[in-house]
Amino acid sequence: MNITSMPKKGVTDWLKQRVTAFFLVIYLVLFCALLFTHQPLDLDAWQGIFHPVWFKVLSIIAFLSVVVHAWVGMWTIFTDYIHPWWLRLILMCVVGFALFAYFIWFIQILWGV
């Protein structure tokens, strides 16, 4: 089998990690800027920060970036260090379910504000 015909999963995963990390840095800078413009930080200020739809959408994209970043990282750790395939499958299912549940929970909290 020619090595150049193999899928380039490693490059794709590396790119996913870098793109999600870059977006998270941009989101963090924007979030910190919004925090400093809403002083003092009370309940009304937090609701004011998360009330605009554009910021809710950015927050969902940022949390989705966290989910993708975490999934790629955990997949890499499991494939490198967990050798029994059945244990790796169980752990990947647990992590996948937890990340999906966290994402749904995040959306419920965010749109409840």
PDB file of N, CA and C in Angstrom:
ATOM      1  N   MET A   1       0.845  -1.184   0.000  1.00  0.00           N
ATOM      2  CA  MET A   1       0.000   0.000   0.000  1.00  0.00           C
ATOM      3  C   MET A   1       0.882   1.237   0.000  1.00  0.00           C
ATOM      4  N   ASN A   2       0.557   2.159  -0.852  1.00  0.00           N
ATOM      5  CA  ASN A   2       1.320   3.391  -0.958  1.00  0.00           C
ATOM      6  C   ASN A   2       0.952   4.321   0.198  1.00  0.00           C
ATOM      7  N   ILE A   3       1.943   4.832   0.886  1.00  0.00           N
ATOM      8  CA  ILE A   3       1.683   5.671   2.052  1.00  0.00           C
ATOM      9  C   ILE A   3       1.015   6.989   1.675  1.00  0.00           C
ATOM     10  N   THR A   4       1.203   7.444   0.453  1.00  0.00           N
ATOM     11  CA  THR A   4       0.578   8.701   0.043  1.00  0.00           C
ATOM     12  C   THR A   4      -0.915   8.541  -0.234  1.00  0.00           C
ATOM     13  N   SER A   5      -1.390   7.299  -0.373  1.00  0.00           N
ATOM     14  CA  SER A   5      -2.810   7.095  -0.615  1.00  0.00           C
ATOM     15  C   SER A   5      -3.610   6.970   0.681  1.00  0.00           C
ATOM     16  N   MET A   6      -2.925   6.935   1.804  1.00  0.00           N
ATOM     17  CA  MET A   6      -3.623   6.833   3.084  1.00  0.00           C
ATOM     18  C   MET A   6      -4.279   8.175   3.416  1.00  0.00           C
ATOM     19  N   PRO A   7      -5.432   8.122   4.095  1.00  0.00           N
ATOM     20  CA  PRO A   7      -6.076   9.388   4.479  1.00  0.00           C
ATOM     21  C   PRO A   7      -5.191  10.169   5.443  1.00  0.00           C
ATOM     22  N   LYS A   8      -5.201  11.468   5.299  1.00  0.00           N
ATOM     23  CA  LYS A   8      -4.336  12.319   6.112  1.00  0.00           C
ATOM     24  C   LYS A   8      -5.090  12.782   7.357  1.00  0.00           C
ATOM     25  N   LYS A   9      -5.483  11.826   8.202  1.00  0.00           N
ATOM     26  CA  LYS A   9      -6.238  12.133   9.402  1.00  0.00           C
ATOM     27  C   LYS A   9      -5.419  12.959  10.376  1.00  0.00           C
ATOM     28  N   GLY A  10      -4.136  12.679  10.480  1.00  0.00           N
ATOM     29  CA  GLY A  10      -3.290  13.429  11.403  1.00  0.00           C
ATOM     30  C   GLY A  10      -3.227  14.907  11.046  1.00  0.00           C
ATOM     31  N   VAL A  11      -3.103  15.209   9.782  1.00  0.00           N
ATOM     32  CA  VAL A  11      -3.062  16.599   9.339  1.00  0.00           C
ATOM     33  C   VAL A  11      -4.414  17.272   9.577  1.00  0.00           C
ATOM     34  N   THR A  12      -5.493  16.546   9.303  1.00  0.00           N
ATOM     35  CA  THR A  12      -6.830  17.093   9.518  1.00  0.00           C
ATOM     36  C   THR A  12      -7.069  17.374  10.998  1.00  0.00           C
ATOM     37  N   ASP A  13      -6.681  16.436  11.856  1.00  0.00           N
ATOM     38  CA  ASP A  13      -6.846  16.644  13.301  1.00  0.00           C
ATOM     39  C   ASP A  13      -5.995  17.806  13.787  1.00  0.00           C
ATOM     40  N   TRP A  14      -4.783  17.902  13.293  1.00  0.00           N
ATOM     41  CA  TRP A  14      -3.900  19.003  13.682  1.00  0.00           C
ATOM     42  C   TRP A  14      -4.535  20.344  13.278  1.00  0.00           C
ATOM     43  N   LEU A  15      -5.091  20.384  12.073  1.00  0.00           N
ATOM     44  CA  LEU A  15      -5.727  21.609  11.587  1.00  0.00           C
ATOM     45  C   LEU A  15      -6.972  21.948  12.415  1.00  0.00           C
ATOM     46  N   LYS A  16      -7.778  20.931  12.764  1.00  0.00           N
ATOM     47  CA  LYS A  16      -8.952  21.174  13.607  1.00  0.00           C
ATOM     48  C   LYS A  16      -8.540  21.778  14.946  1.00  0.00           C
ATOM     49  N   GLN A  17      -7.486  21.237  15.543  1.00  0.00           N
ATOM     50  CA  GLN A  17      -7.017  21.745  16.832  1.00  0.00           C
ATOM     51  C   GLN A  17      -6.568  23.201  16.717  1.00  0.00           C
ATOM     52  N   ARG A  18      -5.857  23.526  15.659  1.00  0.00           N
ATOM     53  CA  ARG A  18      -5.344  24.895  15.514  1.00  0.00           C
ATOM     54  C   ARG A  18      -6.459  25.890  15.201  1.00  0.00           C
ATOM     55  N   VAL A  19      -7.393  25.518  14.339  1.00  0.00           N
ATOM     56  CA  VAL A  19      -8.493  26.418  13.989  1.00  0.00           C
ATOM     57  C   VAL A  19      -9.382  26.658  15.199  1.00  0.00           C
ATOM     58  N   THR A  20      -9.723  25.604  15.937  1.00  0.00           N
ATOM     59  CA  THR A  20     -10.566  25.790  17.120  1.00  0.00           C
ATOM     60  C   THR A  20      -9.842  26.594  18.192  1.00  0.00           C
ATOM     61  N   ALA A  21      -8.557  26.365  18.360  1.00  0.00           N
ATOM     62  CA  ALA A  21      -7.798  27.140  19.345  1.00  0.00           C
ATOM     63  C   ALA A  21      -7.743  28.612  18.951  1.00  0.00           C
ATOM     64  N   PHE A  22      -7.561  28.895  17.677  1.00  0.00           N
ATOM     65  CA  PHE A  22      -7.527  30.282  17.204  1.00  0.00           C
ATOM     66  C   PHE A  22      -8.873  30.961  17.445  1.00  0.00           C
ATOM     67  N   PHE A  23      -9.968  30.279  17.113  1.00  0.00           N
ATOM     68  CA  PHE A  23     -11.286  30.871  17.336  1.00  0.00           C
ATOM     69  C   PHE A  23     -11.534  31.102  18.823  1.00  0.00           C
ATOM     70  N   LEU A  24     -11.094  30.180  19.661  1.00  0.00           N
ATOM     71  CA  LEU A  24     -11.290  30.344  21.106  1.00  0.00           C
ATOM     72  C   LEU A  24     -10.512  31.535  21.655  1.00  0.00           C
ATOM     73  N   VAL A  25      -9.339  31.792  21.120  1.00  0.00           N
ATOM     74  CA  VAL A  25      -8.578  32.970  21.546  1.00  0.00           C
ATOM     75  C   VAL A  25      -9.306  34.247  21.136  1.00  0.00           C
ATOM     76  N   ILE A  26      -9.808  34.286  19.918  1.00  0.00           N
ATOM     77  CA  ILE A  26     -10.562  35.458  19.454  1.00  0.00           C
ATOM     78  C   ILE A  26     -11.808  35.663  20.324  1.00  0.00           C
ATOM     79  N   TYR A  27     -12.523  34.586  20.616  1.00  0.00           N
ATOM     80  CA  TYR A  27     -13.717  34.673  21.456  1.00  0.00           C
ATOM     81  C   TYR A  27     -13.350  35.149  22.861  1.00  0.00           C
ATOM     82  N   LEU A  28     -12.262  34.644  23.410  1.00  0.00           N
ATOM     83  CA  LEU A  28     -11.838  35.041  24.749  1.00  0.00           C
ATOM     84  C   LEU A  28     -11.501  36.524  24.817  1.00  0.00           C
ATOM     85  N   VAL A  29     -10.835  37.036  23.808  1.00  0.00           N
ATOM     86  CA  VAL A  29     -10.507  38.466  23.765  1.00  0.00           C
ATOM     87  C   VAL A  29     -11.790  39.292  23.698  1.00  0.00           C
ATOM     88  N   LEU A  30     -12.726  38.899  22.842  1.00  0.00           N
ATOM     89  CA  LEU A  30     -13.996  39.606  22.738  1.00  0.00           C
ATOM     90  C   LEU A  30     -14.775  39.536  24.047  1.00  0.00           C
ATOM     91  N   PHE A  31     -14.798  38.370  24.662  1.00  0.00           N
ATOM     92  CA  PHE A  31     -15.514  38.193  25.918  1.00  0.00           C
ATOM     93  C   PHE A  31     -14.901  39.059  27.028  1.00  0.00           C
ATOM     94  N   CYS A  32     -13.583  39.093  27.111  1.00  0.00           N
ATOM     95  CA  CYS A  32     -12.924  39.943  28.121  1.00  0.00           C
ATOM     96  C   CYS A  32     -13.212  41.423  27.863  1.00  0.00           C
ATOM     97  N   ALA A  33     -13.225  41.820  26.616  1.00  0.00           N
ATOM     98  CA  ALA A  33     -13.542  43.216  26.301  1.00  0.00           C
ATOM     99  C   ALA A  33     -14.966  43.552  26.727  1.00  0.00           C
ATOM    100  N   LEU A  34     -15.896  42.637  26.504  1.00  0.00           N
ATOM    101  CA  LEU A  34     -17.275  42.865  26.944  1.00  0.00           C
ATOM    102  C   LEU A  34     -17.387  42.883  28.463  1.00  0.00           C
ATOM    103  N   LEU A  35     -16.600  42.060  29.135  1.00  0.00           N
ATOM    104  CA  LEU A  35     -16.621  42.060  30.598  1.00  0.00           C
ATOM    105  C   LEU A  35     -16.164  43.396  31.164  1.00  0.00           C
ATOM    106  N   PHE A  36     -15.125  43.963  30.564  1.00  0.00           N
ATOM    107  CA  PHE A  36     -14.591  45.222  31.080  1.00  0.00           C
ATOM    108  C   PHE A  36     -15.491  46.413  30.765  1.00  0.00           C
ATOM    109  N   THR A  37     -16.375  46.280  29.796  1.00  0.00           N
ATOM    110  CA  THR A  37     -17.282  47.379  29.492  1.00  0.00           C
ATOM    111  C   THR A  37     -18.560  47.325  30.323  1.00  0.00           C
ATOM    112  N   HIS A  38     -18.820  46.219  30.976  1.00  0.00           N
ATOM    113  CA  HIS A  38     -20.009  46.073  31.824  1.00  0.00           C
ATOM    114  C   HIS A  38     -19.579  46.046  33.285  1.00  0.00           C
ATOM    115  N   GLN A  39     -19.390  47.205  33.851  1.00  0.00           N
ATOM    116  CA  GLN A  39     -19.000  47.286  35.260  1.00  0.00           C
ATOM    117  C   GLN A  39     -20.107  47.938  36.048  1.00  0.00           C
ATOM    118  N   PRO A  40     -20.444  47.536  37.214  1.00  0.00           N
ATOM    119  CA  PRO A  40     -19.963  46.358  37.940  1.00  0.00           C
ATOM    120  C   PRO A  40     -20.591  45.081  37.376  1.00  0.00           C
ATOM    121  N   LEU A  41     -19.960  43.955  37.678  1.00  0.00           N
ATOM    122  CA  LEU A  41     -20.444  42.682  37.163  1.00  0.00           C
ATOM    123  C   LEU A  41     -21.488  42.102  38.114  1.00  0.00           C
ATOM    124  N   ASP A  42     -22.722  42.427  37.857  1.00  0.00           N
ATOM    125  CA  ASP A  42     -23.821  41.846  38.610  1.00  0.00           C
ATOM    126  C   ASP A  42     -24.666  41.010  37.648  1.00  0.00           C
ATOM    127  N   LEU A  43     -25.802  40.534  38.122  1.00  0.00           N
ATOM    128  CA  LEU A  43     -26.650  39.682  37.292  1.00  0.00           C
ATOM    129  C   LEU A  43     -27.123  40.400  36.038  1.00  0.00           C
ATOM    130  N   ASP A  44     -27.474  41.673  36.168  1.00  0.00           N
ATOM    131  CA  ASP A  44     -27.924  42.429  34.999  1.00  0.00           C
ATOM    132  C   ASP A  44     -26.824  42.575  33.949  1.00  0.00           C
ATOM    133  N   ALA A  45     -25.590  42.755  34.402  1.00  0.00           N
ATOM    134  CA  ALA A  45     -24.466  42.868  33.463  1.00  0.00           C
ATOM    135  C   ALA A  45     -24.240  41.545  32.725  1.00  0.00           C
ATOM    136  N   TRP A  46     -24.298  40.424  33.444  1.00  0.00           N
ATOM    137  CA  TRP A  46     -24.120  39.115  32.800  1.00  0.00           C
ATOM    138  C   TRP A  46     -25.235  38.866  31.786  1.00  0.00           C
ATOM    139  N   GLN A  47     -26.449  39.215  32.143  1.00  0.00           N
ATOM    140  CA  GLN A  47     -27.549  39.040  31.202  1.00  0.00           C
ATOM    141  C   GLN A  47     -27.406  39.978  30.011  1.00  0.00           C
ATOM    142  N   GLY A  48     -26.874  41.177  30.256  1.00  0.00           N
ATOM    143  CA  GLY A  48     -26.646  42.113  29.158  1.00  0.00           C
ATOM    144  C   GLY A  48     -25.581  41.629  28.191  1.00  0.00           C
ATOM    145  N   ILE A  49     -24.572  40.957  28.718  1.00  0.00           N
ATOM    146  CA  ILE A  49     -23.510  40.428  27.853  1.00  0.00           C
ATOM    147  C   ILE A  49     -24.055  39.303  26.973  1.00  0.00           C
ATOM    148  N   PHE A  50     -24.828  38.406  27.552  1.00  0.00           N
ATOM    149  CA  PHE A  50     -25.279  37.225  26.819  1.00  0.00           C
ATOM    150  C   PHE A  50     -26.636  37.406  26.145  1.00  0.00           C
ATOM    151  N   HIS A  51     -27.226  38.578  26.229  1.00  0.00           N
ATOM    152  CA  HIS A  51     -28.551  38.784  25.642  1.00  0.00           C
ATOM    153  C   HIS A  51     -28.563  38.922  24.114  1.00  0.00           C
ATOM    154  N   PRO A  52     -27.625  39.630  23.500  1.00  0.00           N
ATOM    155  CA  PRO A  52     -27.698  39.776  22.031  1.00  0.00           C
ATOM    156  C   PRO A  52     -27.567  38.436  21.303  1.00  0.00           C
ATOM    157  N   VAL A  53     -28.353  38.276  20.253  1.00  0.00           N
ATOM    158  CA  VAL A  53     -28.357  37.020  19.504  1.00  0.00           C
ATOM    159  C   VAL A  53     -26.990  36.754  18.878  1.00  0.00           C
ATOM    160  N   TRP A  54     -26.312  37.802  18.384  1.00  0.00           N
ATOM    161  CA  TRP A  54     -25.009  37.597  17.748  1.00  0.00           C
ATOM    162  C   TRP A  54     -24.006  37.023  18.742  1.00  0.00           C
ATOM    163  N   PHE A  55     -24.102  37.430  20.020  1.00  0.00           N
ATOM    164  CA  PHE A  55     -23.164  36.900  21.006  1.00  0.00           C
ATOM    165  C   PHE A  55     -23.548  35.475  21.413  1.00  0.00           C
ATOM    166  N   LYS A  56     -24.829  35.158  21.403  1.00  0.00           N
ATOM    167  CA  LYS A  56     -25.252  33.785  21.670  1.00  0.00           C
ATOM    168  C   LYS A  56     -24.744  32.852  20.583  1.00  0.00           C
ATOM    169  N   VAL A  57     -24.842  33.299  19.338  1.00  0.00           N
ATOM    170  CA  VAL A  57     -24.353  32.471  18.222  1.00  0.00           C
ATOM    171  C   VAL A  57     -22.842  32.288  18.322  1.00  0.00           C
ATOM    172  N   LEU A  58     -22.114  33.370  18.618  1.00  0.00           N
ATOM    173  CA  LEU A  58     -20.663  33.243  18.802  1.00  0.00           C
ATOM    174  C   LEU A  58     -20.324  32.328  19.961  1.00  0.00           C
ATOM    175  N   SER A  59     -21.102  32.394  21.030  1.00  0.00           N
ATOM    176  CA  SER A  59     -20.867  31.528  22.182  1.00  0.00           C
ATOM    177  C   SER A  59     -21.108  30.060  21.838  1.00  0.00           C
ATOM    178  N   ILE A  60     -22.129  29.807  21.037  1.00  0.00           N
ATOM    179  CA  ILE A  60     -22.389  28.427  20.611  1.00  0.00           C
ATOM    180  C   ILE A  60     -21.247  27.921  19.730  1.00  0.00           C
ATOM    181  N   ILE A  61     -20.769  28.753  18.827  1.00  0.00           N
ATOM    182  CA  ILE A  61     -19.633  28.363  17.979  1.00  0.00           C
ATOM    183  C   ILE A  61     -18.393  28.131  18.835  1.00  0.00           C
ATOM    184  N   ALA A  62     -18.184  28.983  19.833  1.00  0.00           N
ATOM    185  CA  ALA A  62     -17.026  28.815  20.715  1.00  0.00           C
ATOM    186  C   ALA A  62     -17.133  27.518  21.504  1.00  0.00           C
ATOM    187  N   PHE A  63     -18.322  27.210  22.025  1.00  0.00           N
ATOM    188  CA  PHE A  63     -18.466  25.970  22.784  1.00  0.00           C
ATOM    189  C   PHE A  63     -18.340  24.763  21.865  1.00  0.00           C
ATOM    190  N   LEU A  64     -18.846  24.873  20.651  1.00  0.00           N
ATOM    191  CA  LEU A  64     -18.653  23.796  19.683  1.00  0.00           C
ATOM    192  C   LEU A  64     -17.167  23.617  19.375  1.00  0.00           C
ATOM    193  N   SER A  65     -16.421  24.704  19.341  1.00  0.00           N
ATOM    194  CA  SER A  65     -14.970  24.617  19.160  1.00  0.00           C
ATOM    195  C   SER A  65     -14.317  23.887  20.324  1.00  0.00           C
ATOM    196  N   VAL A  66     -14.804  24.143  21.541  1.00  0.00           N
ATOM    197  CA  VAL A  66     -14.281  23.425  22.708  1.00  0.00           C
ATOM    198  C   VAL A  66     -14.577  21.933  22.578  1.00  0.00           C
ATOM    199  N   VAL A  67     -15.782  21.596  22.124  1.00  0.00           N
ATOM    200  CA  VAL A  67     -16.163  20.190  21.962  1.00  0.00           C
ATOM    201  C   VAL A  67     -15.273  19.505  20.927  1.00  0.00           C
ATOM    202  N   VAL A  68     -15.082  20.145  19.782  1.00  0.00           N
ATOM    203  CA  VAL A  68     -14.233  19.554  18.736  1.00  0.00           C
ATOM    204  C   VAL A  68     -12.793  19.429  19.230  1.00  0.00           C
ATOM    205  N   HIS A  69     -12.289  20.466  19.880  1.00  0.00           N
ATOM    206  CA  HIS A  69     -10.922  20.463  20.406  1.00  0.00           C
ATOM    207  C   HIS A  69     -10.745  19.327  21.418  1.00  0.00           C
ATOM    208  N   ALA A  70     -11.716  19.189  22.310  1.00  0.00           N
ATOM    209  CA  ALA A  70     -11.638  18.131  23.321  1.00  0.00           C
ATOM    210  C   ALA A  70     -11.742  16.744  22.690  1.00  0.00           C
ATOM    211  N   TRP A  71     -12.622  16.595  21.709  1.00  0.00           N
ATOM    212  CA  TRP A  71     -12.788  15.292  21.068  1.00  0.00           C
ATOM    213  C   TRP A  71     -11.497  14.859  20.370  1.00  0.00           C
ATOM    214  N   VAL A  72     -10.879  15.751  19.623  1.00  0.00           N
ATOM    215  CA  VAL A  72      -9.636  15.407  18.926  1.00  0.00           C
ATOM    216  C   VAL A  72      -8.537  15.076  19.939  1.00  0.00           C
ATOM    217  N   GLY A  73      -8.453  15.866  20.994  1.00  0.00           N
ATOM    218  CA  GLY A  73      -7.441  15.608  22.013  1.00  0.00           C
ATOM    219  C   GLY A  73      -7.646  14.281  22.714  1.00  0.00           C
ATOM    220  N   MET A  74      -8.881  13.984  23.100  1.00  0.00           N
ATOM    221  CA  MET A  74      -9.146  12.716  23.793  1.00  0.00           C
ATOM    222  C   MET A  74      -8.992  11.532  22.852  1.00  0.00           C
ATOM    223  N   TRP A  75      -9.386  11.690  21.590  1.00  0.00           N
ATOM    224  CA  TRP A  75      -9.195  10.610  20.623  1.00  0.00           C
ATOM    225  C   TRP A  75      -7.701  10.298  20.471  1.00  0.00           C
ATOM    226  N   THR A  76      -6.897  11.340  20.420  1.00  0.00           N
ATOM    227  CA  THR A  76      -5.451  11.144  20.292  1.00  0.00           C
ATOM    228  C   THR A  76      -4.883  10.431  21.517  1.00  0.00           C
ATOM    229  N   ILE A  77      -5.296  10.864  22.695  1.00  0.00           N
ATOM    230  CA  ILE A  77      -4.809  10.230  23.916  1.00  0.00           C
ATOM    231  C   ILE A  77      -5.248   8.769  23.978  1.00  0.00           C
ATOM    232  N   PHE A  78      -6.517   8.501  23.667  1.00  0.00           N
ATOM    233  CA  PHE A  78      -7.001   7.128  23.727  1.00  0.00           C
ATOM    234  C   PHE A  78      -6.302   6.220  22.727  1.00  0.00           C
ATOM    235  N   THR A  79      -6.099   6.699  21.510  1.00  0.00           N
ATOM    236  CA  THR A  79      -5.448   5.849  20.515  1.00  0.00           C
ATOM    237  C   THR A  79      -3.969   5.651  20.811  1.00  0.00           C
ATOM    238  N   ASP A  80      -3.346   6.596  21.496  1.00  0.00           N
ATOM    239  CA  ASP A  80      -1.931   6.450  21.825  1.00  0.00           C
ATOM    240  C   ASP A  80      -1.696   5.578  23.060  1.00  0.00           C
ATOM    241  N   TYR A  81      -2.571   5.666  24.068  1.00  0.00           N
ATOM    242  CA  TYR A  81      -2.270   5.060  25.354  1.00  0.00           C
ATOM    243  C   TYR A  81      -3.210   3.946  25.793  1.00  0.00           C
ATOM    244  N   ILE A  82      -4.371   3.810  25.193  1.00  0.00           N
ATOM    245  CA  ILE A  82      -5.308   2.736  25.548  1.00  0.00           C
ATOM    246  C   ILE A  82      -5.253   1.707  24.426  1.00  0.00           C
ATOM    247  N   HIS A  83      -4.636   0.577  24.712  1.00  0.00           N
ATOM    248  CA  HIS A  83      -4.401  -0.400  23.649  1.00  0.00           C
ATOM    249  C   HIS A  83      -5.539  -1.396  23.434  1.00  0.00           C
ATOM    250  N   PRO A  84      -6.243  -1.882  24.469  1.00  0.00           N
ATOM    251  CA  PRO A  84      -7.372  -2.785  24.170  1.00  0.00           C
ATOM    252  C   PRO A  84      -8.487  -2.027  23.434  1.00  0.00           C
ATOM    253  N   TRP A  85      -8.857  -2.517  22.268  1.00  0.00           N
ATOM    254  CA  TRP A  85      -9.818  -1.807  21.436  1.00  0.00           C
ATOM    255  C   TRP A  85     -11.158  -1.635  22.124  1.00  0.00           C
ATOM    256  N   TRP A  86     -11.588  -2.620  22.923  1.00  0.00           N
ATOM    257  CA  TRP A  86     -12.896  -2.550  23.571  1.00  0.00           C
ATOM    258  C   TRP A  86     -12.912  -1.468  24.654  1.00  0.00           C
ATOM    259  N   LEU A  87     -11.809  -1.310  25.385  1.00  0.00           N
ATOM    260  CA  LEU A  87     -11.739  -0.271  26.409  1.00  0.00           C
ATOM    261  C   LEU A  87     -11.695   1.116  25.759  1.00  0.00           C
ATOM    262  N   ARG A  88     -10.944   1.211  24.666  1.00  0.00           N
ATOM    263  CA  ARG A  88     -10.879   2.478  23.927  1.00  0.00           C
ATOM    264  C   ARG A  88     -12.250   2.861  23.386  1.00  0.00           C
ATOM    265  N   LEU A  89     -13.003   1.879  22.874  1.00  0.00           N
ATOM    266  CA  LEU A  89     -14.343   2.135  22.357  1.00  0.00           C
ATOM    267  C   LEU A  89     -15.274   2.613  23.474  1.00  0.00           C
ATOM    268  N   ILE A  90     -15.213   1.967  24.623  1.00  0.00           N
ATOM    269  CA  ILE A  90     -16.053   2.373  25.754  1.00  0.00           C
ATOM    270  C   ILE A  90     -15.715   3.792  26.181  1.00  0.00           C
ATOM    271  N   LEU A  91     -14.427   4.090  26.334  1.00  0.00           N
ATOM    272  CA  LEU A  91     -14.012   5.428  26.764  1.00  0.00           C
ATOM    273  C   LEU A  91     -14.400   6.497  25.744  1.00  0.00           C
ATOM    274  N   MET A  92     -14.244   6.179  24.460  1.00  0.00           N
ATOM    275  CA  MET A  92     -14.622   7.149  23.428  1.00  0.00           C
ATOM    276  C   MET A  92     -16.132   7.378  23.424  1.00  0.00           C
ATOM    277  N   CYS A  93     -16.916   6.344  23.669  1.00  0.00           N
ATOM    278  CA  CYS A  93     -18.377   6.515  23.752  1.00  0.00           C
ATOM    279  C   CYS A  93     -18.760   7.367  24.960  1.00  0.00           C
ATOM    280  N   VAL A  94     -18.106   7.139  26.085  1.00  0.00           N
ATOM    281  CA  VAL A  94     -18.387   7.929  27.288  1.00  0.00           C
ATOM    282  C   VAL A  94     -18.046   9.395  27.055  1.00  0.00           C
ATOM    283  N   VAL A  95     -16.870   9.654  26.502  1.00  0.00           N
ATOM    284  CA  VAL A  95     -16.457  11.033  26.238  1.00  0.00           C
ATOM    285  C   VAL A  95     -17.378  11.681  25.199  1.00  0.00           C
ATOM    286  N   GLY A  96     -17.704  10.952  24.143  1.00  0.00           N
ATOM    287  CA  GLY A  96     -18.593  11.493  23.120  1.00  0.00           C
ATOM    288  C   GLY A  96     -19.964  11.828  23.677  1.00  0.00           C
ATOM    289  N   PHE A  97     -20.512  10.951  24.499  1.00  0.00           N
ATOM    290  CA  PHE A  97     -21.814  11.213  25.108  1.00  0.00           C
ATOM    291  C   PHE A  97     -21.736  12.416  26.047  1.00  0.00           C
ATOM    292  N   ALA A  98     -20.679  12.484  26.849  1.00  0.00           N
ATOM    293  CA  ALA A  98     -20.528  13.608  27.779  1.00  0.00           C
ATOM    294  C   ALA A  98     -20.401  14.930  27.026  1.00  0.00           C
ATOM    295  N   LEU A  99     -19.602  14.969  25.972  1.00  0.00           N
ATOM    296  CA  LEU A  99     -19.449  16.205  25.207  1.00  0.00           C
ATOM    297  C   LEU A  99     -20.759  16.621  24.545  1.00  0.00           C
ATOM    298  N   PHE A 100     -21.503  15.640  24.022  1.00  0.00           N
ATOM    299  CA  PHE A 100     -22.798  15.946  23.424  1.00  0.00           C
ATOM    300  C   PHE A 100     -23.770  16.472  24.480  1.00  0.00           C
ATOM    301  N   ALA A 101     -23.791  15.838  25.652  1.00  0.00           N
ATOM    302  CA  ALA A 101     -24.683  16.278  26.731  1.00  0.00           C
ATOM    303  C   ALA A 101     -24.311  17.676  27.211  1.00  0.00           C
ATOM    304  N   TYR A 102     -23.013  17.953  27.331  1.00  0.00           N
ATOM    305  CA  TYR A 102     -22.576  19.290  27.738  1.00  0.00           C
ATOM    306  C   TYR A 102     -22.998  20.347  26.716  1.00  0.00           C
ATOM    307  N   PHE A 103     -22.906  20.001  25.440  1.00  0.00           N
ATOM    308  CA  PHE A 103     -23.277  20.950  24.393  1.00  0.00           C
ATOM    309  C   PHE A 103     -24.775  21.254  24.443  1.00  0.00           C
ATOM    310  N   ILE A 104     -25.599  20.224  24.599  1.00  0.00           N
ATOM    311  CA  ILE A 104     -27.048  20.434  24.705  1.00  0.00           C
ATOM    312  C   ILE A 104     -27.366  21.249  25.951  1.00  0.00           C
ATOM    313  N   TRP A 105     -26.721  20.941  27.057  1.00  0.00           N
ATOM    314  CA  TRP A 105     -26.935  21.662  28.309  1.00  0.00           C
ATOM    315  C   TRP A 105     -26.540  23.131  28.149  1.00  0.00           C
ATOM    316  N   PHE A 106     -25.417  23.373  27.474  1.00  0.00           N
ATOM    317  CA  PHE A 106     -24.954  24.738  27.233  1.00  0.00           C
ATOM    318  C   PHE A 106     -25.982  25.533  26.426  1.00  0.00           C
ATOM    319  N   ILE A 107     -26.536  24.915  25.395  1.00  0.00           N
ATOM    320  CA  ILE A 107     -27.538  25.608  24.577  1.00  0.00           C
ATOM    321  C   ILE A 107     -28.780  25.928  25.412  1.00  0.00           C
ATOM    322  N   GLN A 108     -29.197  24.978  26.245  1.00  0.00           N
ATOM    323  CA  GLN A 108     -30.363  25.225  27.098  1.00  0.00           C
ATOM    324  C   GLN A 108     -30.096  26.384  28.057  1.00  0.00           C
ATOM    325  N   ILE A 109     -28.932  26.428  28.651  1.00  0.00           N
ATOM    326  CA  ILE A 109     -28.595  27.516  29.576  1.00  0.00           C
ATOM    327  C   ILE A 109     -28.499  28.836  28.829  1.00  0.00           C
ATOM    328  N   LEU A 110     -27.814  28.833  27.694  1.00  0.00           N
ATOM    329  CA  LEU A 110     -27.586  30.066  26.948  1.00  0.00           C
ATOM    330  C   LEU A 110     -28.888  30.683  26.446  1.00  0.00           C
ATOM    331  N   TRP A 111     -29.784  29.893  25.899  1.00  0.00           N
ATOM    332  CA  TRP A 111     -31.021  30.436  25.370  1.00  0.00           C
ATOM    333  C   TRP A 111     -32.067  30.645  26.462  1.00  0.00           C
ATOM    334  N   GLY A 112     -31.758  30.207  27.682  1.00  0.00           N
ATOM    335  CA  GLY A 112     -32.646  30.474  28.806  1.00  0.00           C
ATOM    336  C   GLY A 112     -32.393  31.829  29.426  1.00  0.00           C
ATOM    337  N   VAL A 113     -31.268  32.457  29.061  1.00  0.00           N
ATOM    338  CA  VAL A 113     -30.911  33.774  29.624  1.00  0.00           C
ATOM    339  C   VAL A 113     -31.776  34.837  29.003  1.00  0.00           C
TER     340      VAL A 113
END
